[in-house]
Amino acid sequence: MTQVDVAQKEEAEYKRMTRSPIFGLVLRLSIPTTFSMLVTSVYNLADTFFVSSLGNAATSAVGVVFSVQSIIQAIGYGFGMGTQSLISRKLGEQKTDEANMFGTSGFVAAFLAGLAMLLGLIDLPFLMRLFGSTETALPLACDYGFWILLGAPVFCSSFVLNNILRAEGKASFSMVGLCSGGIVNIGLDALFIKALNMGVKGAAIATMISQILSFLILLSYFVFKRSIVRVNIFKTSRHLGDYVKIFCVGLPTVFRQSLGSIATTLLNRAVRPFGDAAMSAISVANKIYLLLRSMLIGVGQGFQPVAGYNFGAGYYDRVRDAFNCAVVIGTAYGLLAGILLYSCSGQIMGIFRRGDLEVIAMGGKMLRFLSVALPLLGYSTFVNQLYQCLGFVVPATFLASCRQGIFFIPLILTLPAYMGLTGIQVTQAVADVLTFFISIPFHISIFRTILFSPLLQPKPPLFPRGASSSR
């Protein structure tokens, strides 16, 4: 690809992100990101579906290792979201060289962080107990956890490649990479668990293979130069400040994901006295809720590049419009999903634990509580994502800490003492409602002080015809 071709591609993308009608643009970027999140959650549920046929201990083991996966995701998403936010704003400012540097540096940092996580293999039983495994489920949790930790470097760096593509508006490219791995994962689950009788180890190996496939597909877009941003090892930053900047912007995601892991661990510990049946029910219900919530996050990941790009370019009205479009789409989805979840909670649980009436009843009750919070999730999620994609680290980190930290942790430590298992089942729903209310003043504040302030409005830059921002 010649220099002129690169310049024309950059100009076309700039015009698309800063001139296209907002609703259509947000929708076009949200559909592939939402579909990607859906497929990712479906293959997580596929593990649960196939493993559930092995018994409650196996299902419980997958739930325990899910906490470890959340830590890996926290690192990967942290570097990925920090990189995405910086790249989208730099592209909006027409500073492609800086975007290339942040993309490469974020990728390298995530891979090295994934390598560091291999230290968890030193004493795997201790780690699994730490995350809430029962003695019954411990051998299975170790089998599953070994392969998940082994794949950590690839998992972490894949998140960065995925977010770079989203930052430059190539959401459909990232969708192909993620969905290909997800579909392969489901097929390998059936092969390894059912046909080859490999148990939970087979589910973990299937996950690792599928993640490697996704990584290779995502990497190919950069190798064959189909992206605007270039990942070039020679462009890796040698300045600590650049890595601090990536990490700080991604910090809300690290907090969100890490607190999610802590929350799941505390949840497992709270459920443990009620036995493997209760633990199995809560694990399945959580993954179903994660599936539904992941689609809201997908909508947010579609609007974030639009908001970041236009914020960097100085079009603050388009930032406001992108947020409002996301809220309308997310709230409408949340209402429909909440109604479905409440009406069909027992039937949905029955898909995973057919005939196990005890597990179905416990999990169904939790899903009905969660259905009440679903219509509110979009708004609170998008307020948090707005702060993060515009680079306001402190409020974004606070908001990211509310749902499964500031509110969830005190609730899970107190409600079970007064309400028993019902206290565990209702905790996440209460935390989500409280997060919704705390998000309202933050929404009002950023609109009034930043996005509506004439004094802070920079003059929108114009992309010189036929010129590239990198030269």
Protein backbone atom coordinates (compact mmCIF):
# COMPACT_ATOMS: atom_id res chain seq x y z
CA MET A 1 0.00 0.00 0.00
CA THR A 2 1.47 3.35 -1.08
CA GLN A 3 1.72 6.50 1.04
CA VAL A 4 -1.07 8.06 -1.04
CA ASP A 5 -3.32 5.04 -0.41
CA VAL A 6 -2.68 5.29 3.33
CA ALA A 7 -3.47 9.01 3.29
CA GLN A 8 -6.71 8.44 1.39
CA LYS A 9 -7.76 5.68 3.77
CA GLU A 10 -7.11 7.91 6.79
CA GLU A 11 -9.05 10.80 5.25
CA ALA A 12 -12.01 8.59 4.35
CA GLU A 13 -12.16 7.14 7.86
CA TYR A 14 -11.89 10.60 9.44
CA LYS A 15 -14.81 11.87 7.37
CA ARG A 16 -16.89 8.78 8.14
CA MET A 17 -16.38 9.13 11.90
CA THR A 18 -16.91 12.91 12.03
CA ARG A 19 -19.51 13.48 9.29
CA SER A 20 -21.80 10.44 9.11
CA PRO A 21 -25.23 10.69 10.80
CA ILE A 22 -24.72 9.75 14.44
CA PHE A 23 -27.52 7.26 14.94
CA GLY A 24 -26.57 5.22 11.87
CA LEU A 25 -22.87 5.39 12.77
CA VAL A 26 -23.40 4.24 16.36
CA LEU A 27 -25.73 1.49 15.18
CA ARG A 28 -23.30 0.26 12.51
CA LEU A 29 -20.46 0.07 15.02
CA SER A 30 -22.64 -1.37 17.78
CA ILE A 31 -24.03 -4.29 15.79
CA PRO A 32 -20.67 -6.05 15.24
CA THR A 33 -19.41 -5.25 18.76
CA THR A 34 -22.67 -6.49 20.28
CA PHE A 35 -22.56 -9.62 18.16
CA SER A 36 -18.94 -10.18 19.23
CA MET A 37 -19.87 -9.87 22.89
CA LEU A 38 -22.83 -12.18 22.34
CA VAL A 39 -20.69 -14.89 20.74
CA THR A 40 -18.05 -14.53 23.46
CA SER A 41 -20.69 -14.98 26.15
CA VAL A 42 -22.33 -17.84 24.25
CA TYR A 43 -19.12 -19.84 24.14
CA ASN A 44 -18.62 -19.14 27.85
CA LEU A 45 -22.12 -20.54 28.34
CA ALA A 46 -21.25 -23.44 26.02
CA ASP A 47 -18.55 -24.46 28.49
CA THR A 48 -21.16 -24.35 31.25
CA PHE A 49 -23.69 -26.25 29.12
CA PHE A 50 -21.36 -29.10 28.23
CA VAL A 51 -19.63 -29.19 31.62
CA SER A 52 -22.99 -29.22 33.44
CA SER A 53 -23.57 -32.73 32.08
CA LEU A 54 -20.58 -33.81 34.21
CA GLY A 55 -22.31 -32.87 37.48
CA ASN A 56 -22.54 -30.05 40.02
CA ALA A 57 -18.88 -30.29 41.07
CA ALA A 58 -17.73 -29.73 37.47
CA THR A 59 -20.11 -26.78 37.01
CA SER A 60 -18.88 -25.34 40.29
CA ALA A 61 -15.26 -25.72 39.14
CA VAL A 62 -15.94 -23.72 35.97
CA GLY A 63 -17.56 -21.01 38.11
CA VAL A 64 -14.45 -20.81 40.31
CA VAL A 65 -12.05 -20.53 37.36
CA PHE A 66 -14.30 -17.85 35.91
CA SER A 67 -12.88 -15.58 38.63
CA VAL A 68 -9.37 -16.28 37.32
CA GLN A 69 -10.54 -15.56 33.77
CA SER A 70 -11.93 -12.25 35.03
CA ILE A 71 -8.45 -11.28 36.25
CA ILE A 72 -6.94 -12.13 32.86
CA GLN A 73 -9.70 -10.12 31.19
CA ALA A 74 -9.05 -7.24 33.59
CA ILE A 75 -5.44 -7.01 32.42
CA GLY A 76 -6.28 -7.47 28.74
CA TYR A 77 -9.27 -5.15 28.73
CA GLY A 78 -7.37 -2.59 30.82
CA PHE A 79 -4.57 -2.25 28.28
CA GLY A 80 -7.06 -2.66 25.45
CA MET A 81 -9.45 0.06 26.59
CA GLY A 82 -6.63 2.41 27.52
CA THR A 83 -5.11 1.91 24.07
CA GLN A 84 -8.49 2.29 22.35
CA SER A 85 -9.34 5.55 24.10
CA LEU A 86 -5.98 7.12 23.28
CA ILE A 87 -5.99 5.91 19.67
CA SER A 88 -9.51 7.14 18.88
CA ARG A 89 -8.73 10.60 20.27
CA LYS A 90 -5.35 10.75 18.50
CA LEU A 91 -6.97 9.79 15.19
CA GLY A 92 -9.58 12.50 15.79
CA GLU A 93 -6.71 14.95 16.35
CA GLN A 94 -5.10 13.60 13.12
CA LYS A 95 -1.98 12.36 14.96
CA THR A 96 -1.57 8.94 13.38
CA ASP A 97 2.07 8.46 14.41
CA GLU A 98 1.11 8.80 18.08
CA ALA A 99 -1.80 6.40 17.52
CA ASN A 100 0.66 3.85 16.06
CA MET A 101 2.95 4.22 19.07
CA PHE A 102 0.15 3.72 21.59
CA GLY A 103 -1.19 0.72 19.66
CA THR A 104 2.18 -1.04 19.59
CA SER A 105 3.04 -0.19 23.19
CA GLY A 106 -0.32 -1.38 24.48
CA PHE A 107 0.04 -4.68 22.62
CA VAL A 108 3.54 -5.34 23.99
CA ALA A 109 2.58 -4.39 27.54
CA ALA A 110 -0.47 -6.70 27.51
CA PHE A 111 1.57 -9.65 26.24
CA LEU A 112 4.19 -9.19 28.96
CA ALA A 113 1.49 -8.86 31.62
CA GLY A 114 -0.01 -12.14 30.39
CA LEU A 115 3.38 -13.83 30.74
CA ALA A 116 3.60 -12.62 34.34
CA MET A 117 0.27 -14.33 35.10
CA LEU A 118 1.88 -17.72 34.44
CA LEU A 119 3.24 -17.43 37.98
CA GLY A 120 -0.19 -18.64 39.11
CA LEU A 121 0.76 -22.11 37.90
CA ILE A 122 3.31 -22.47 40.71
CA ASP A 123 0.68 -23.47 43.29
CA LEU A 124 -2.58 -24.03 41.43
CA PRO A 125 -4.51 -25.74 44.30
CA PHE A 126 -3.81 -22.79 46.60
CA LEU A 127 -5.00 -20.38 43.90
CA MET A 128 -8.22 -22.33 43.30
CA ARG A 129 -9.00 -22.47 47.03
CA LEU A 130 -8.32 -18.75 47.24
CA PHE A 131 -10.98 -18.16 44.59
CA GLY A 132 -13.55 -20.17 46.52
CA SER A 133 -13.27 -23.77 45.31
CA THR A 134 -14.77 -26.52 47.44
CA GLU A 135 -12.63 -29.58 48.09
CA THR A 136 -15.02 -31.62 45.93
CA ALA A 137 -14.49 -29.34 42.94
CA LEU A 138 -10.76 -28.66 43.53
CA PRO A 139 -9.23 -31.30 41.20
CA LEU A 140 -11.56 -30.22 38.39
CA ALA A 141 -10.88 -26.53 39.03
CA CYS A 142 -7.13 -27.21 38.78
CA ASP A 143 -7.59 -29.11 35.49
CA TYR A 144 -9.57 -26.24 34.01
CA GLY A 145 -7.47 -23.44 35.50
CA PHE A 146 -4.12 -24.82 34.23
CA TRP A 147 -5.03 -24.37 30.57
CA ILE A 148 -6.73 -21.02 31.10
CA LEU A 149 -3.64 -19.59 32.80
CA LEU A 150 -1.36 -21.10 30.13
CA GLY A 151 -3.18 -19.10 27.48
CA ALA A 152 -3.02 -15.79 29.42
CA PRO A 153 -0.39 -14.04 27.18
CA VAL A 154 -2.47 -14.68 24.07
CA PHE A 155 -5.74 -13.79 25.82
CA CYS A 156 -4.39 -10.43 27.05
CA SER A 157 -2.79 -9.32 23.78
CA SER A 158 -5.89 -10.32 21.77
CA PHE A 159 -7.94 -7.80 23.74
CA VAL A 160 -5.57 -5.02 22.65
CA LEU A 161 -5.67 -5.96 18.95
CA ASN A 162 -9.45 -6.14 19.14
CA ASN A 163 -9.72 -2.69 20.73
CA ILE A 164 -7.31 -1.09 18.26
CA LEU A 165 -9.58 -2.16 15.42
CA ARG A 166 -12.62 -0.80 17.24
CA ALA A 167 -10.85 2.49 17.97
CA GLU A 168 -10.42 3.18 14.27
CA GLY A 169 -13.98 2.16 13.43
CA LYS A 170 -13.19 -1.35 12.13
CA ALA A 171 -15.66 -3.11 14.43
CA SER A 172 -16.57 -5.64 11.73
CA PHE A 173 -12.92 -6.78 11.51
CA SER A 174 -12.77 -7.41 15.25
CA MET A 175 -16.11 -9.23 15.07
CA VAL A 176 -14.73 -11.74 12.54
CA GLY A 177 -11.76 -12.52 14.79
CA LEU A 178 -13.77 -12.97 17.97
CA CYS A 179 -16.68 -14.82 16.40
CA SER A 180 -14.47 -17.28 14.51
CA GLY A 181 -12.82 -18.29 17.77
CA GLY A 182 -16.17 -18.51 19.55
CA ILE A 183 -17.72 -20.81 16.95
CA VAL A 184 -14.65 -23.05 16.99
CA ASN A 185 -14.82 -23.13 20.80
CA ILE A 186 -18.38 -24.48 20.77
CA GLY A 187 -17.46 -27.18 18.25
CA LEU A 188 -14.38 -28.20 20.21
CA ASP A 189 -16.40 -28.33 23.44
CA ALA A 190 -18.68 -30.91 21.86
CA LEU A 191 -15.70 -32.86 20.50
CA PHE A 192 -13.47 -32.84 23.59
CA ILE A 193 -16.14 -33.20 26.28
CA LYS A 194 -18.74 -35.39 24.60
CA ALA A 195 -16.88 -37.39 21.96
CA LEU A 196 -13.46 -37.75 23.59
CA ASN A 197 -14.61 -37.73 27.25
CA MET A 198 -11.90 -35.25 28.29
CA GLY A 199 -14.10 -33.61 30.95
CA VAL A 200 -13.41 -30.08 32.18
CA LYS A 201 -9.85 -30.28 30.85
CA GLY A 202 -11.33 -30.61 27.36
CA ALA A 203 -13.42 -27.47 27.88
CA ALA A 204 -10.33 -25.51 28.91
CA ILE A 205 -8.24 -26.75 25.97
CA ALA A 206 -11.10 -25.84 23.63
CA THR A 207 -11.12 -22.32 25.06
CA MET A 208 -7.36 -21.93 24.66
CA ILE A 209 -7.34 -23.16 21.05
CA SER A 210 -10.20 -20.86 20.11
CA GLN A 211 -8.47 -17.86 21.69
CA ILE A 212 -5.27 -18.59 19.75
CA LEU A 213 -7.30 -18.74 16.53
CA SER A 214 -8.93 -15.38 17.32
CA PHE A 215 -5.52 -13.88 18.07
CA LEU A 216 -4.07 -15.04 14.73
CA ILE A 217 -7.05 -13.69 12.77
CA LEU A 218 -6.87 -10.31 14.52
CA LEU A 219 -3.09 -10.15 14.03
CA SER A 220 -3.48 -10.85 10.32
CA TYR A 221 -5.26 -7.51 9.79
CA PHE A 222 -2.14 -5.73 11.01
CA VAL A 223 0.33 -8.02 9.23
CA PHE A 224 -1.45 -7.49 5.87
CA LYS A 225 -1.92 -3.75 6.58
CA ARG A 226 -5.71 -3.64 6.44
CA SER A 227 -5.81 -1.34 9.46
CA ILE A 228 -5.02 2.36 9.77
CA VAL A 229 -3.04 1.90 12.97
CA ARG A 230 0.22 -0.04 12.55
CA VAL A 231 1.52 -2.45 15.19
CA ASN A 232 5.28 -2.34 14.65
CA ILE A 233 7.68 -3.59 17.32
CA PHE A 234 10.11 -0.82 16.39
CA LYS A 235 7.44 1.76 17.30
CA THR A 236 7.25 0.56 20.91
CA SER A 237 7.61 3.48 23.27
CA ARG A 238 10.70 3.73 25.45
CA HIS A 239 9.09 6.27 27.77
CA LEU A 240 7.52 5.05 31.00
CA GLY A 241 5.04 7.92 30.87
CA ASP A 242 3.35 6.48 27.78
CA TYR A 243 2.70 3.17 29.54
CA VAL A 244 1.45 5.01 32.61
CA LYS A 245 -0.94 6.92 30.36
CA ILE A 246 -2.26 3.71 28.75
CA PHE A 247 -2.63 2.04 32.14
CA CYS A 248 -4.32 5.04 33.76
CA VAL A 249 -6.87 5.45 30.96
CA GLY A 250 -7.54 1.70 31.15
CA LEU A 251 -7.67 1.76 34.95
CA PRO A 252 -11.49 1.90 35.13
CA THR A 253 -11.63 -1.35 33.16
CA VAL A 254 -8.99 -2.96 35.38
CA PHE A 255 -11.02 -1.98 38.45
CA ARG A 256 -14.27 -3.14 36.86
CA GLN A 257 -12.91 -6.53 35.86
CA SER A 258 -10.79 -7.08 38.97
CA LEU A 259 -13.64 -6.18 41.27
CA GLY A 260 -15.81 -8.52 39.20
CA SER A 261 -13.36 -11.31 40.01
CA ILE A 262 -13.32 -10.36 43.71
CA ALA A 263 -17.12 -10.18 43.68
CA THR A 264 -17.37 -13.64 42.11
CA THR A 265 -14.94 -15.02 44.68
CA LEU A 266 -16.92 -13.53 47.57
CA LEU A 267 -20.09 -14.84 45.98
CA ASN A 268 -18.58 -18.33 45.76
CA ARG A 269 -17.49 -18.15 49.39
CA ALA A 270 -20.94 -16.96 50.47
CA VAL A 271 -22.66 -19.77 48.55
CA ARG A 272 -20.23 -22.51 49.59
CA PRO A 273 -22.03 -23.36 52.90
CA PHE A 274 -25.19 -24.07 50.89
CA GLY A 275 -23.48 -26.86 48.90
CA ASP A 276 -22.57 -27.64 45.28
CA ALA A 277 -26.20 -27.44 44.08
CA ALA A 278 -26.51 -23.81 45.21
CA MET A 279 -23.06 -23.00 43.84
CA SER A 280 -24.00 -24.55 40.50
CA ALA A 281 -27.25 -22.53 40.39
CA ILE A 282 -25.56 -19.22 41.17
CA SER A 283 -22.76 -19.91 38.67
CA VAL A 284 -25.20 -20.64 35.84
CA ALA A 285 -27.44 -17.66 36.69
CA ASN A 286 -24.42 -15.35 36.74
CA LYS A 287 -23.29 -16.49 33.28
CA ILE A 288 -26.79 -16.02 31.86
CA TYR A 289 -26.89 -12.49 33.27
CA LEU A 290 -23.40 -11.85 31.89
CA LEU A 291 -24.63 -12.91 28.45
CA LEU A 292 -27.46 -10.37 28.58
CA ARG A 293 -25.25 -7.62 30.02
CA SER A 294 -22.52 -8.28 27.46
CA MET A 295 -24.85 -7.09 24.71
CA LEU A 296 -25.22 -3.76 26.50
CA ILE A 297 -21.44 -3.52 26.77
CA GLY A 298 -21.30 -4.22 23.03
CA VAL A 299 -23.54 -1.20 22.36
CA GLY A 300 -21.23 0.89 24.56
CA GLN A 301 -18.15 -0.35 22.71
CA GLY A 302 -19.84 0.80 19.51
CA PHE A 303 -20.46 4.32 20.75
CA GLN A 304 -17.07 4.79 22.49
CA PRO A 305 -14.94 5.14 19.31
CA VAL A 306 -17.48 7.61 17.91
CA ALA A 307 -17.37 9.66 21.12
CA GLY A 308 -13.57 9.53 21.41
CA TYR A 309 -12.94 10.31 17.75
CA ASN A 310 -15.28 13.31 17.76
CA PHE A 311 -14.03 14.55 21.12
CA GLY A 312 -10.50 14.58 19.70
CA ALA A 313 -11.76 16.37 16.58
CA GLY A 314 -13.65 18.94 18.66
CA TYR A 315 -17.21 17.98 17.66
CA TYR A 316 -18.73 17.89 21.14
CA ASP A 317 -22.31 17.94 19.89
CA ARG A 318 -21.66 14.61 18.18
CA VAL A 319 -20.27 13.21 21.44
CA ARG A 320 -23.53 14.12 23.20
CA ASP A 321 -25.59 12.64 20.38
CA ALA A 322 -23.58 9.40 20.40
CA PHE A 323 -24.20 8.97 24.13
CA ASN A 324 -27.92 9.69 23.81
CA CYS A 325 -28.28 7.21 20.95
CA ALA A 326 -26.53 4.51 22.97
CA VAL A 327 -28.83 5.13 25.97
CA VAL A 328 -31.97 4.84 23.84
CA ILE A 329 -30.78 1.59 22.24
CA GLY A 330 -29.51 0.13 25.53
CA THR A 331 -32.62 0.97 27.56
CA ALA A 332 -34.98 -0.48 24.94
CA TYR A 333 -32.94 -3.68 24.88
CA GLY A 334 -32.79 -3.83 28.69
CA LEU A 335 -36.58 -3.59 28.98
CA LEU A 336 -37.17 -6.40 26.49
CA ALA A 337 -34.46 -8.61 27.98
CA GLY A 338 -35.73 -7.97 31.53
CA ILE A 339 -39.26 -9.00 30.62
CA LEU A 340 -37.99 -12.16 28.91
CA LEU A 341 -35.72 -13.05 31.83
CA TYR A 342 -38.46 -12.59 34.41
CA SER A 343 -41.05 -14.54 32.41
CA CYS A 344 -38.82 -17.47 31.41
CA SER A 345 -36.29 -17.74 34.25
CA GLY A 346 -37.13 -21.36 35.07
CA GLN A 347 -37.09 -22.47 31.45
CA ILE A 348 -33.74 -20.74 30.83
CA MET A 349 -32.17 -22.43 33.87
CA GLY A 350 -33.62 -25.72 32.70
CA ILE A 351 -31.52 -25.59 29.54
CA PHE A 352 -28.40 -26.00 31.67
CA ARG A 353 -29.65 -28.21 34.51
CA ARG A 354 -32.49 -30.17 32.96
CA GLY A 355 -34.40 -32.16 35.54
CA ASP A 356 -32.51 -30.73 38.52
CA LEU A 357 -35.45 -28.94 40.12
CA GLU A 358 -33.46 -27.66 43.10
CA VAL A 359 -30.84 -25.93 40.94
CA ILE A 360 -33.50 -24.58 38.57
CA ALA A 361 -35.51 -23.09 41.43
CA MET A 362 -32.53 -21.40 43.07
CA GLY A 363 -31.10 -20.05 39.82
CA GLY A 364 -34.52 -18.96 38.54
CA LYS A 365 -35.16 -16.88 41.66
CA MET A 366 -31.85 -15.07 41.20
CA LEU A 367 -32.62 -14.38 37.52
CA ARG A 368 -35.97 -12.80 38.45
CA PHE A 369 -34.21 -10.40 40.83
CA LEU A 370 -31.66 -9.55 38.14
CA SER A 371 -34.36 -8.91 35.53
CA VAL A 372 -35.54 -5.88 37.51
CA ALA A 373 -32.12 -4.21 37.16
CA LEU A 374 -31.59 -4.95 33.45
CA PRO A 375 -33.43 -1.87 32.07
CA LEU A 376 -31.17 0.38 34.19
CA LEU A 377 -27.85 -1.23 33.24
CA GLY A 378 -27.41 0.49 29.88
CA TYR A 379 -27.51 4.03 31.25
CA SER A 380 -25.06 3.43 34.11
CA THR A 381 -22.70 1.46 31.84
CA PHE A 382 -22.65 4.18 29.18
CA VAL A 383 -22.04 7.01 31.66
CA ASN A 384 -18.98 5.10 32.87
CA GLN A 385 -17.80 4.37 29.33
CA LEU A 386 -18.26 8.02 28.32
CA TYR A 387 -15.93 9.23 31.06
CA GLN A 388 -13.37 6.57 30.17
CA CYS A 389 -13.29 7.09 26.41
CA LEU A 390 -12.84 10.85 26.90
CA GLY A 391 -9.93 10.24 29.28
CA PHE A 392 -11.42 11.35 32.63
CA VAL A 393 -9.73 8.68 34.70
CA VAL A 394 -10.77 9.45 38.31
CA PRO A 395 -14.57 9.66 37.83
CA ALA A 396 -14.46 6.76 35.36
CA THR A 397 -12.59 4.61 37.87
CA PHE A 398 -15.02 5.50 40.65
CA LEU A 399 -18.05 4.63 38.51
CA ALA A 400 -16.38 1.39 37.37
CA SER A 401 -15.86 0.45 41.03
CA CYS A 402 -19.48 0.92 42.09
CA ARG A 403 -21.31 -2.03 40.60
CA GLN A 404 -19.18 -4.93 41.85
CA GLY A 405 -17.09 -3.12 44.42
CA ILE A 406 -18.37 -0.16 46.41
CA PHE A 407 -21.93 -1.48 46.47
CA PHE A 408 -21.62 -5.22 45.83
CA ILE A 409 -18.92 -6.13 48.36
CA PRO A 410 -20.64 -4.67 51.47
CA LEU A 411 -23.94 -6.19 50.34
CA ILE A 412 -22.56 -9.71 49.81
CA LEU A 413 -20.84 -9.56 53.19
CA THR A 414 -24.00 -8.51 55.07
CA LEU A 415 -27.21 -9.58 53.33
CA PRO A 416 -26.65 -13.38 53.56
CA ALA A 417 -26.38 -13.08 57.35
CA TYR A 418 -29.91 -11.66 57.48
CA MET A 419 -31.59 -13.22 54.43
CA GLY A 420 -29.71 -16.49 53.88
CA LEU A 421 -29.52 -17.66 50.27
CA THR A 422 -32.02 -14.99 49.21
CA GLY A 423 -29.52 -12.35 50.32
CA ILE A 424 -26.99 -13.85 47.90
CA GLN A 425 -29.51 -14.02 45.08
CA VAL A 426 -30.57 -10.38 45.41
CA THR A 427 -27.14 -8.78 45.95
CA GLN A 428 -26.17 -8.08 42.33
CA ALA A 429 -29.58 -6.63 41.47
CA VAL A 430 -29.45 -4.21 44.42
CA ALA A 431 -25.90 -3.16 43.51
CA ASP A 432 -26.96 -2.50 39.90
CA VAL A 433 -29.89 -0.30 40.96
CA LEU A 434 -27.67 1.73 43.31
CA THR A 435 -25.09 2.16 40.51
CA PHE A 436 -27.82 3.56 38.26
CA PHE A 437 -28.73 6.27 40.75
CA ILE A 438 -25.11 7.26 41.46
CA SER A 439 -24.51 7.65 37.69
CA ILE A 440 -27.14 10.38 37.25
CA PRO A 441 -25.18 13.31 38.79
CA PHE A 442 -22.05 12.26 36.87
CA HIS A 443 -24.01 12.36 33.61
CA ILE A 444 -25.35 15.83 34.40
CA SER A 445 -21.90 17.05 35.41
CA ILE A 446 -19.98 16.04 32.27
CA PHE A 447 -22.68 17.40 29.99
CA ARG A 448 -22.79 20.77 31.78
CA THR A 449 -19.09 21.34 32.47
CA ILE A 450 -17.42 19.77 29.41
CA LEU A 451 -19.73 18.92 26.53
CA PHE A 452 -21.88 22.08 26.77
CA SER A 453 -19.16 24.57 27.70
CA PRO A 454 -18.40 27.05 24.86
CA LEU A 455 -15.13 28.03 26.57
CA LEU A 456 -13.83 24.48 26.32
CA GLN A 457 -14.89 23.92 22.71
CA PRO A 458 -11.76 23.70 20.52
CA LYS A 459 -12.02 24.71 16.89
CA PRO A 460 -12.80 21.55 14.89
CA PRO A 461 -9.80 20.63 12.74
CA LEU A 462 -10.29 20.10 9.00
CA PHE A 463 -8.56 17.19 7.33
CA PRO A 464 -6.45 18.66 4.50
CA ARG A 465 -7.61 17.16 1.19
CA GLY A 466 -5.20 14.47 0.07
CA ALA A 467 -2.94 14.84 3.11
CA SER A 468 -2.23 12.33 5.84
CA SER A 469 -2.20 13.17 9.51
CA SER A 470 0.97 11.18 9.99
CA ARG A 471 3.07 13.38 7.79
